[in-house]
N, C-alpha and C. Protein backbone atom coordinates (compact mmCIF):
# COMPACT_ATOMS: atom_id res chain seq x y z
N MET A 1 92.68 82.56 69.10
CA MET A 1 93.79 83.49 69.02
C MET A 1 93.24 84.92 69.09
N ILE A 2 93.83 85.73 69.95
CA ILE A 2 93.41 87.11 70.14
C ILE A 2 94.16 87.99 69.15
N GLN A 3 93.42 88.85 68.44
CA GLN A 3 94.06 89.77 67.51
C GLN A 3 93.44 91.16 67.54
N SER A 4 92.15 91.24 67.29
CA SER A 4 91.50 92.54 67.10
C SER A 4 91.27 93.27 68.43
N LYS A 5 90.97 94.54 68.30
CA LYS A 5 90.67 95.37 69.45
C LYS A 5 89.51 94.77 70.26
N ASP A 6 88.46 94.34 69.57
CA ASP A 6 87.32 93.74 70.27
C ASP A 6 87.71 92.46 71.00
N GLU A 7 88.55 91.65 70.38
CA GLU A 7 89.02 90.41 71.02
C GLU A 7 89.90 90.72 72.23
N ILE A 8 90.67 91.77 72.14
CA ILE A 8 91.51 92.19 73.28
C ILE A 8 90.62 92.60 74.45
N ILE A 9 89.60 93.39 74.18
CA ILE A 9 88.69 93.83 75.25
C ILE A 9 88.00 92.63 75.90
N VAL A 10 87.53 91.69 75.09
CA VAL A 10 86.91 90.48 75.63
C VAL A 10 87.93 89.70 76.46
N GLY A 11 89.15 89.58 75.96
CA GLY A 11 90.20 88.87 76.69
C GLY A 11 90.52 89.52 78.02
N LEU A 12 90.60 90.85 78.03
CA LEU A 12 90.84 91.57 79.28
C LEU A 12 89.71 91.33 80.27
N ARG A 13 88.48 91.49 79.81
CA ARG A 13 87.32 91.31 80.72
C ARG A 13 87.25 89.88 81.24
N ASN A 14 87.50 88.92 80.36
CA ASN A 14 87.42 87.52 80.79
C ASN A 14 88.52 87.17 81.79
N SER A 15 89.76 87.56 81.50
CA SER A 15 90.86 87.19 82.39
C SER A 15 90.75 87.91 83.73
N PHE A 16 90.46 89.21 83.72
CA PHE A 16 90.29 89.94 84.98
C PHE A 16 89.09 89.37 85.75
N GLY A 17 88.00 89.09 85.03
CA GLY A 17 86.79 88.57 85.68
C GLY A 17 87.02 87.23 86.34
N GLU A 18 87.73 86.33 85.65
CA GLU A 18 88.03 85.02 86.24
C GLU A 18 88.88 85.17 87.50
N LEU A 19 89.86 86.05 87.44
CA LEU A 19 90.73 86.25 88.60
C LEU A 19 89.93 86.82 89.77
N ILE A 20 89.11 87.82 89.50
CA ILE A 20 88.30 88.45 90.56
C ILE A 20 87.36 87.42 91.18
N THR A 21 86.69 86.64 90.34
CA THR A 21 85.76 85.62 90.86
C THR A 21 86.49 84.63 91.76
N HIS A 22 87.67 84.22 91.34
CA HIS A 22 88.42 83.26 92.16
C HIS A 22 88.89 83.90 93.47
N ILE A 23 89.42 85.10 93.40
CA ILE A 23 89.90 85.79 94.62
C ILE A 23 88.73 85.97 95.59
N GLN A 24 87.55 86.33 95.08
CA GLN A 24 86.40 86.53 95.96
C GLN A 24 86.04 85.26 96.73
N SER A 25 86.33 84.11 96.15
CA SER A 25 85.97 82.84 96.79
C SER A 25 86.95 82.41 97.89
N LEU A 26 88.07 83.10 98.02
CA LEU A 26 89.10 82.67 98.95
C LEU A 26 88.83 83.11 100.38
N ASP A 27 89.07 82.21 101.32
CA ASP A 27 88.96 82.56 102.73
C ASP A 27 90.29 83.17 103.18
N THR A 28 90.35 83.53 104.44
CA THR A 28 91.54 84.21 104.97
C THR A 28 92.80 83.40 104.73
N LYS A 29 92.78 82.13 105.06
CA LYS A 29 93.97 81.29 104.93
C LYS A 29 94.42 81.20 103.47
N ALA A 30 93.48 80.94 102.57
CA ALA A 30 93.83 80.81 101.15
C ALA A 30 94.32 82.13 100.56
N PHE A 31 93.79 83.24 101.05
CA PHE A 31 94.18 84.56 100.55
C PHE A 31 95.57 84.96 101.02
N GLU A 32 95.91 84.59 102.26
CA GLU A 32 97.17 85.05 102.86
C GLU A 32 98.30 84.02 102.79
N SER A 33 97.99 82.78 102.46
CA SER A 33 98.99 81.71 102.47
C SER A 33 100.13 81.98 101.47
N THR A 34 101.36 81.72 101.93
CA THR A 34 102.55 81.90 101.10
C THR A 34 103.35 80.60 101.06
N PRO A 35 102.83 79.56 100.42
CA PRO A 35 103.54 78.28 100.40
C PRO A 35 104.87 78.39 99.66
N LEU A 36 105.89 77.77 100.26
CA LEU A 36 107.24 77.76 99.67
C LEU A 36 107.76 79.17 99.40
N ASN A 37 107.36 80.12 100.26
CA ASN A 37 107.78 81.52 100.13
C ASN A 37 107.38 82.15 98.80
N LYS A 38 106.34 81.63 98.18
CA LYS A 38 105.78 82.25 96.97
C LYS A 38 104.78 83.31 97.40
N TRP A 39 104.43 84.20 96.49
CA TRP A 39 103.46 85.24 96.81
C TRP A 39 102.10 84.64 97.15
N SER A 40 101.44 85.26 98.10
CA SER A 40 100.07 84.88 98.45
C SER A 40 99.14 85.35 97.33
N ALA A 41 97.89 84.90 97.38
CA ALA A 41 96.90 85.35 96.40
C ALA A 41 96.74 86.87 96.49
N GLY A 42 96.73 87.40 97.71
CA GLY A 42 96.62 88.84 97.89
C GLY A 42 97.80 89.58 97.29
N GLN A 43 98.99 89.05 97.46
CA GLN A 43 100.18 89.67 96.88
C GLN A 43 100.15 89.60 95.35
N GLN A 44 99.67 88.49 94.83
CA GLN A 44 99.57 88.38 93.37
C GLN A 44 98.57 89.39 92.82
N LEU A 45 97.47 89.60 93.53
CA LEU A 45 96.50 90.61 93.11
C LEU A 45 97.13 91.99 93.15
N GLU A 46 97.85 92.31 94.22
CA GLU A 46 98.50 93.62 94.29
C GLU A 46 99.54 93.78 93.17
N HIS A 47 100.28 92.71 92.87
CA HIS A 47 101.26 92.75 91.77
C HIS A 47 100.56 93.07 90.44
N LEU A 48 99.42 92.46 90.20
CA LEU A 48 98.69 92.73 88.96
C LEU A 48 98.20 94.17 88.91
N ILE A 49 97.76 94.70 90.04
CA ILE A 49 97.35 96.11 90.09
C ILE A 49 98.55 97.00 89.79
N LYS A 50 99.69 96.70 90.40
CA LYS A 50 100.90 97.49 90.16
C LYS A 50 101.36 97.38 88.71
N SER A 51 101.01 96.30 88.05
CA SER A 51 101.40 96.10 86.65
C SER A 51 100.51 96.87 85.68
N VAL A 52 99.23 96.98 85.98
CA VAL A 52 98.30 97.62 85.04
C VAL A 52 98.17 99.12 85.30
N ARG A 53 98.41 99.55 86.52
CA ARG A 53 98.27 100.97 86.87
C ARG A 53 99.10 101.89 85.96
N PRO A 54 100.39 101.59 85.72
CA PRO A 54 101.17 102.50 84.86
C PRO A 54 100.66 102.57 83.42
N ILE A 55 100.08 101.49 82.95
CA ILE A 55 99.52 101.50 81.59
C ILE A 55 98.37 102.49 81.54
N ASN A 56 97.49 102.39 82.52
CA ASN A 56 96.36 103.33 82.56
C ASN A 56 96.81 104.77 82.70
N LEU A 57 97.82 105.00 83.51
CA LEU A 57 98.33 106.37 83.70
C LEU A 57 98.89 106.93 82.39
N VAL A 58 99.68 106.15 81.70
CA VAL A 58 100.28 106.62 80.44
C VAL A 58 99.20 106.88 79.40
N LEU A 59 98.17 106.05 79.36
CA LEU A 59 97.14 106.21 78.33
C LEU A 59 96.25 107.42 78.53
N PHE A 60 96.37 108.09 79.67
CA PHE A 60 95.68 109.37 79.85
C PHE A 60 96.40 110.50 79.12
N LEU A 61 97.65 110.27 78.77
CA LEU A 61 98.45 111.30 78.09
C LEU A 61 98.07 111.41 76.62
N PRO A 62 98.29 112.57 76.02
CA PRO A 62 98.07 112.69 74.57
C PRO A 62 99.01 111.74 73.83
N HIS A 63 98.52 111.15 72.74
CA HIS A 63 99.31 110.17 72.00
C HIS A 63 100.61 110.76 71.48
N TRP A 64 100.59 112.03 71.08
CA TRP A 64 101.82 112.63 70.57
C TRP A 64 102.89 112.68 71.66
N LEU A 65 102.46 112.88 72.92
CA LEU A 65 103.41 112.92 74.02
C LEU A 65 103.98 111.52 74.30
N ILE A 66 103.11 110.52 74.28
CA ILE A 66 103.57 109.14 74.48
C ILE A 66 104.62 108.79 73.42
N LYS A 67 104.33 109.16 72.17
CA LYS A 67 105.27 108.86 71.08
C LYS A 67 106.57 109.64 71.23
N SER A 68 106.50 110.86 71.73
CA SER A 68 107.74 111.63 71.89
C SER A 68 108.60 111.08 73.03
N VAL A 69 107.97 110.48 74.03
CA VAL A 69 108.72 109.93 75.17
C VAL A 69 109.26 108.53 74.85
N PHE A 70 108.41 107.66 74.28
CA PHE A 70 108.79 106.26 74.09
C PHE A 70 109.16 105.89 72.66
N GLY A 71 108.95 106.80 71.72
CA GLY A 71 109.32 106.53 70.34
C GLY A 71 108.21 105.88 69.54
N LYS A 72 108.58 105.43 68.36
CA LYS A 72 107.63 104.81 67.43
C LYS A 72 108.01 103.36 67.21
N MET A 73 107.03 102.57 66.86
CA MET A 73 107.26 101.16 66.59
C MET A 73 108.02 101.04 65.27
N ASN A 74 109.11 100.28 65.29
CA ASN A 74 109.93 100.13 64.09
C ASN A 74 109.87 98.70 63.54
N ARG A 75 108.82 97.98 63.91
CA ARG A 75 108.64 96.60 63.43
C ARG A 75 107.16 96.28 63.43
N GLU A 76 106.83 95.15 62.83
CA GLU A 76 105.45 94.68 62.85
C GLU A 76 105.12 94.15 64.24
N PRO A 77 103.87 94.30 64.70
CA PRO A 77 103.50 93.77 66.01
C PRO A 77 103.64 92.25 66.05
N ARG A 78 104.05 91.76 67.19
CA ARG A 78 104.14 90.31 67.38
C ARG A 78 102.73 89.75 67.60
N THR A 79 102.56 88.47 67.27
CA THR A 79 101.30 87.81 67.59
C THR A 79 101.28 87.48 69.08
N PHE A 80 100.13 87.14 69.56
CA PHE A 80 99.95 86.74 70.96
C PHE A 80 100.93 85.62 71.29
N GLU A 81 100.99 84.60 70.44
CA GLU A 81 101.83 83.43 70.69
C GLU A 81 103.32 83.77 70.69
N ILE A 82 103.76 84.59 69.76
CA ILE A 82 105.17 84.96 69.68
C ILE A 82 105.56 85.81 70.90
N LEU A 83 104.67 86.71 71.30
CA LEU A 83 104.95 87.53 72.48
C LEU A 83 105.10 86.65 73.73
N LEU A 84 104.22 85.66 73.87
CA LEU A 84 104.30 84.78 75.04
C LEU A 84 105.59 83.96 75.03
N LYS A 85 106.00 83.52 73.87
CA LYS A 85 107.26 82.78 73.77
C LYS A 85 108.42 83.66 74.21
N LYS A 86 108.44 84.90 73.73
CA LYS A 86 109.51 85.83 74.12
C LYS A 86 109.50 86.05 75.64
N TYR A 87 108.32 86.18 76.22
CA TYR A 87 108.21 86.37 77.66
C TYR A 87 108.73 85.14 78.42
N HIS A 88 108.32 83.96 77.98
CA HIS A 88 108.79 82.73 78.63
C HIS A 88 110.31 82.59 78.50
N ASP A 89 110.85 82.98 77.37
CA ASP A 89 112.31 82.94 77.18
C ASP A 89 113.00 83.86 78.19
N LYS A 90 112.43 85.05 78.41
CA LYS A 90 113.01 85.99 79.38
C LYS A 90 112.93 85.43 80.80
N LEU A 91 111.81 84.78 81.12
CA LEU A 91 111.68 84.18 82.45
C LEU A 91 112.69 83.05 82.62
N ALA A 92 112.89 82.26 81.57
CA ALA A 92 113.84 81.15 81.63
C ALA A 92 115.27 81.64 81.86
N LEU A 93 115.54 82.86 81.44
CA LEU A 93 116.86 83.45 81.65
C LEU A 93 116.99 84.10 83.03
N GLY A 94 115.96 83.93 83.86
CA GLY A 94 116.01 84.46 85.22
C GLY A 94 115.24 85.74 85.43
N GLY A 95 114.46 86.16 84.46
CA GLY A 95 113.68 87.39 84.61
C GLY A 95 112.66 87.29 85.73
N THR A 96 112.57 88.33 86.53
CA THR A 96 111.59 88.40 87.61
C THR A 96 111.02 89.81 87.67
N ALA A 97 110.02 89.98 88.52
CA ALA A 97 109.41 91.30 88.70
C ALA A 97 110.42 92.26 89.32
N SER A 98 110.52 93.45 88.75
CA SER A 98 111.41 94.47 89.32
C SER A 98 110.72 95.12 90.52
N SER A 99 111.49 95.81 91.33
CA SER A 99 111.02 96.31 92.63
C SER A 99 109.71 97.10 92.59
N PRO A 100 109.46 97.95 91.59
CA PRO A 100 108.18 98.68 91.64
C PRO A 100 106.94 97.77 91.54
N PHE A 101 107.15 96.53 91.08
CA PHE A 101 106.03 95.62 90.87
C PHE A 101 105.96 94.52 91.93
N VAL A 102 106.87 94.54 92.89
CA VAL A 102 106.88 93.53 93.95
C VAL A 102 105.89 93.97 95.03
N PRO A 103 104.98 93.09 95.40
CA PRO A 103 103.95 93.45 96.39
C PRO A 103 104.46 93.39 97.82
N SER A 104 103.76 94.10 98.67
CA SER A 104 104.01 94.03 100.11
C SER A 104 103.19 92.88 100.68
N VAL A 105 103.23 92.69 101.98
CA VAL A 105 102.38 91.69 102.63
C VAL A 105 100.95 92.23 102.60
N ILE A 106 100.01 91.40 102.19
CA ILE A 106 98.62 91.83 102.04
C ILE A 106 97.72 91.03 102.99
N PRO A 107 97.16 91.68 104.00
CA PRO A 107 96.24 90.98 104.90
C PRO A 107 94.85 90.83 104.26
N PHE A 108 94.12 89.84 104.73
CA PHE A 108 92.79 89.52 104.21
C PHE A 108 91.86 90.73 104.25
N ILE A 109 92.02 91.57 105.24
CA ILE A 109 91.14 92.74 105.40
C ILE A 109 91.20 93.67 104.17
N GLN A 110 92.25 93.60 103.39
CA GLN A 110 92.40 94.44 102.19
C GLN A 110 91.79 93.81 100.94
N LYS A 111 91.30 92.59 101.05
CA LYS A 111 90.82 91.85 99.87
C LYS A 111 89.79 92.64 99.06
N GLU A 112 88.72 93.07 99.68
CA GLU A 112 87.64 93.75 98.94
C GLU A 112 88.12 95.06 98.32
N LYS A 113 88.94 95.81 99.04
CA LYS A 113 89.48 97.07 98.52
C LYS A 113 90.33 96.81 97.27
N LEU A 114 91.16 95.78 97.32
CA LEU A 114 92.01 95.45 96.17
C LEU A 114 91.19 94.97 94.99
N ILE A 115 90.16 94.18 95.25
CA ILE A 115 89.28 93.72 94.16
C ILE A 115 88.62 94.91 93.48
N LYS A 116 88.13 95.86 94.27
CA LYS A 116 87.51 97.06 93.69
C LYS A 116 88.52 97.86 92.86
N ARG A 117 89.72 97.99 93.38
CA ARG A 117 90.76 98.73 92.66
C ARG A 117 91.11 98.03 91.34
N TYR A 118 91.23 96.71 91.40
CA TYR A 118 91.57 95.94 90.20
C TYR A 118 90.45 96.05 89.16
N ASN A 119 89.21 95.96 89.62
CA ASN A 119 88.06 96.10 88.72
C ASN A 119 88.02 97.49 88.09
N SER A 120 88.37 98.51 88.87
CA SER A 120 88.42 99.88 88.36
C SER A 120 89.48 100.01 87.27
N HIS A 121 90.63 99.38 87.48
CA HIS A 121 91.68 99.41 86.46
C HIS A 121 91.22 98.71 85.19
N LEU A 122 90.47 97.63 85.32
CA LEU A 122 89.93 96.94 84.15
C LEU A 122 89.02 97.87 83.37
N SER A 123 88.12 98.56 84.06
CA SER A 123 87.19 99.47 83.38
C SER A 123 87.94 100.56 82.63
N ARG A 124 88.93 101.16 83.28
CA ARG A 124 89.70 102.22 82.63
C ARG A 124 90.48 101.69 81.44
N LEU A 125 91.08 100.53 81.60
CA LEU A 125 91.87 99.95 80.52
C LEU A 125 90.99 99.64 79.31
N CYS A 126 89.83 99.07 79.54
CA CYS A 126 88.92 98.78 78.43
C CYS A 126 88.45 100.06 77.74
N LYS A 127 88.17 101.11 78.50
CA LYS A 127 87.77 102.39 77.89
C LYS A 127 88.90 102.95 77.04
N HIS A 128 90.13 102.85 77.53
CA HIS A 128 91.27 103.32 76.73
C HIS A 128 91.36 102.55 75.42
N VAL A 129 91.30 101.23 75.51
CA VAL A 129 91.43 100.41 74.30
C VAL A 129 90.27 100.69 73.34
N GLU A 130 89.06 100.82 73.87
CA GLU A 130 87.90 101.11 73.02
C GLU A 130 88.07 102.42 72.26
N SER A 131 88.76 103.37 72.86
CA SER A 131 88.90 104.69 72.23
C SER A 131 89.98 104.73 71.15
N LEU A 132 90.77 103.68 71.04
CA LEU A 132 91.88 103.65 70.09
C LEU A 132 91.49 102.96 68.79
N THR A 133 92.20 103.30 67.74
CA THR A 133 92.03 102.59 66.47
C THR A 133 92.94 101.37 66.46
N GLU A 134 92.69 100.47 65.54
CA GLU A 134 93.57 99.31 65.38
C GLU A 134 95.00 99.78 65.09
N ASN A 135 95.13 100.82 64.28
CA ASN A 135 96.45 101.35 63.94
C ASN A 135 97.16 101.91 65.18
N GLU A 136 96.43 102.61 66.04
CA GLU A 136 97.04 103.15 67.25
C GLU A 136 97.52 102.03 68.19
N LEU A 137 96.79 100.92 68.22
CA LEU A 137 97.24 99.79 69.03
C LEU A 137 98.60 99.27 68.56
N ASP A 138 98.88 99.44 67.27
CA ASP A 138 100.14 98.96 66.69
C ASP A 138 101.25 100.00 66.67
N THR A 139 100.92 101.26 66.89
CA THR A 139 101.93 102.31 66.77
C THR A 139 102.29 102.99 68.09
N ILE A 140 101.43 102.92 69.08
CA ILE A 140 101.76 103.48 70.39
C ILE A 140 102.70 102.50 71.09
N VAL A 141 103.85 102.99 71.53
CA VAL A 141 104.88 102.16 72.14
C VAL A 141 104.97 102.44 73.63
N LEU A 142 105.10 101.37 74.39
CA LEU A 142 105.28 101.47 75.84
C LEU A 142 106.46 100.58 76.25
N PRO A 143 107.14 100.93 77.33
CA PRO A 143 108.23 100.07 77.80
C PRO A 143 107.69 98.95 78.69
N HIS A 144 108.25 97.78 78.54
CA HIS A 144 107.94 96.65 79.41
C HIS A 144 109.24 96.25 80.11
N PRO A 145 109.20 96.00 81.43
CA PRO A 145 110.44 95.73 82.16
C PRO A 145 111.26 94.54 81.65
N LEU A 146 110.61 93.52 81.13
CA LEU A 146 111.34 92.36 80.61
C LEU A 146 111.40 92.32 79.09
N LEU A 147 110.35 92.79 78.43
CA LEU A 147 110.25 92.65 76.98
C LEU A 147 110.79 93.84 76.21
N GLY A 148 111.14 94.91 76.91
CA GLY A 148 111.60 96.11 76.22
C GLY A 148 110.42 96.88 75.65
N LYS A 149 110.66 97.58 74.55
CA LYS A 149 109.58 98.36 73.95
C LYS A 149 108.61 97.43 73.21
N VAL A 150 107.34 97.62 73.52
CA VAL A 150 106.28 96.85 72.88
C VAL A 150 105.18 97.82 72.46
N CYS A 151 104.45 97.44 71.42
CA CYS A 151 103.31 98.28 71.04
C CYS A 151 102.17 98.01 72.01
N LEU A 152 101.20 98.88 72.01
CA LEU A 152 100.09 98.76 72.95
C LEU A 152 99.34 97.44 72.75
N ARG A 153 99.18 96.99 71.52
CA ARG A 153 98.51 95.70 71.27
C ARG A 153 99.27 94.58 72.01
N GLU A 154 100.60 94.59 71.90
CA GLU A 154 101.40 93.58 72.58
C GLU A 154 101.28 93.70 74.11
N MET A 155 101.23 94.94 74.60
CA MET A 155 101.07 95.14 76.04
C MET A 155 99.73 94.58 76.51
N MET A 156 98.70 94.71 75.69
CA MET A 156 97.40 94.15 76.06
C MET A 156 97.45 92.62 76.02
N TYR A 157 98.12 92.06 75.02
CA TYR A 157 98.31 90.60 74.99
C TYR A 157 98.99 90.16 76.28
N PHE A 158 100.06 90.87 76.63
CA PHE A 158 100.79 90.52 77.84
C PHE A 158 99.89 90.63 79.06
N THR A 159 99.10 91.68 79.16
CA THR A 159 98.24 91.89 80.32
C THR A 159 97.24 90.75 80.47
N ILE A 160 96.68 90.30 79.35
CA ILE A 160 95.75 89.16 79.39
C ILE A 160 96.48 87.91 79.88
N PHE A 161 97.61 87.62 79.26
CA PHE A 161 98.36 86.43 79.65
C PHE A 161 98.84 86.52 81.09
N HIS A 162 99.36 87.66 81.49
CA HIS A 162 99.90 87.87 82.83
C HIS A 162 98.83 87.59 83.88
N THR A 163 97.62 88.05 83.63
CA THR A 163 96.51 87.80 84.54
C THR A 163 96.21 86.31 84.61
N GLN A 164 96.16 85.65 83.46
CA GLN A 164 95.90 84.20 83.43
C GLN A 164 97.01 83.43 84.14
N HIS A 165 98.24 83.87 83.96
CA HIS A 165 99.41 83.23 84.59
C HIS A 165 99.29 83.28 86.12
N HIS A 166 98.93 84.44 86.66
CA HIS A 166 98.81 84.56 88.11
C HIS A 166 97.58 83.84 88.64
N LEU A 167 96.51 83.81 87.88
CA LEU A 167 95.33 83.02 88.30
C LEU A 167 95.70 81.55 88.38
N LYS A 168 96.40 81.05 87.40
CA LYS A 168 96.84 79.65 87.42
C LYS A 168 97.71 79.38 88.64
N SER A 169 98.60 80.28 88.95
CA SER A 169 99.48 80.13 90.10
C SER A 169 98.66 80.09 91.40
N ILE A 170 97.67 80.95 91.52
CA ILE A 170 96.82 80.97 92.71
C ILE A 170 96.03 79.67 92.84
N LYS A 171 95.49 79.19 91.73
CA LYS A 171 94.68 77.96 91.74
C LYS A 171 95.51 76.72 92.06
N GLU A 172 96.78 76.73 91.72
CA GLU A 172 97.63 75.56 91.93
C GLU A 172 98.01 75.36 93.38
N ARG A 173 97.68 76.26 94.25
CA ARG A 173 98.04 76.14 95.67
C ARG A 173 97.16 75.14 96.37
């Protein structure tokens, strides 16, 4: 079970690393294939980049500004397991990626560029988390398109799970 800041960083590195390793192993057909009109591996990678980029952008802002824009946490942080249940419940109700997070068609030629970009986002995200206290992980609030307002710790839980979810989807093809 992931809880502490250090466990979150390990979880981020492991999940991003597994996804990158798998994507690197894919040939053109496996990278671009869209079986049953589902996203290709390349599209899933772009979706993950589009999902983590706004988190990194917001975390460059001063914490007081983030709090003034998104508010303060008015509840205890959810556990990893409870957050995942809430996410699955939202998906069961028909929740899908909103337009800013929907990927375009991704040709194989973009694979290495996207892997580098994704790896760069991982490095920035880990540096942001490393710079925060445990209390800040629980008090900095960010909006999530399906889950509503979540604390940064919950957003990191989601990011770890979200990466694992898309890796599983890519591997099942």
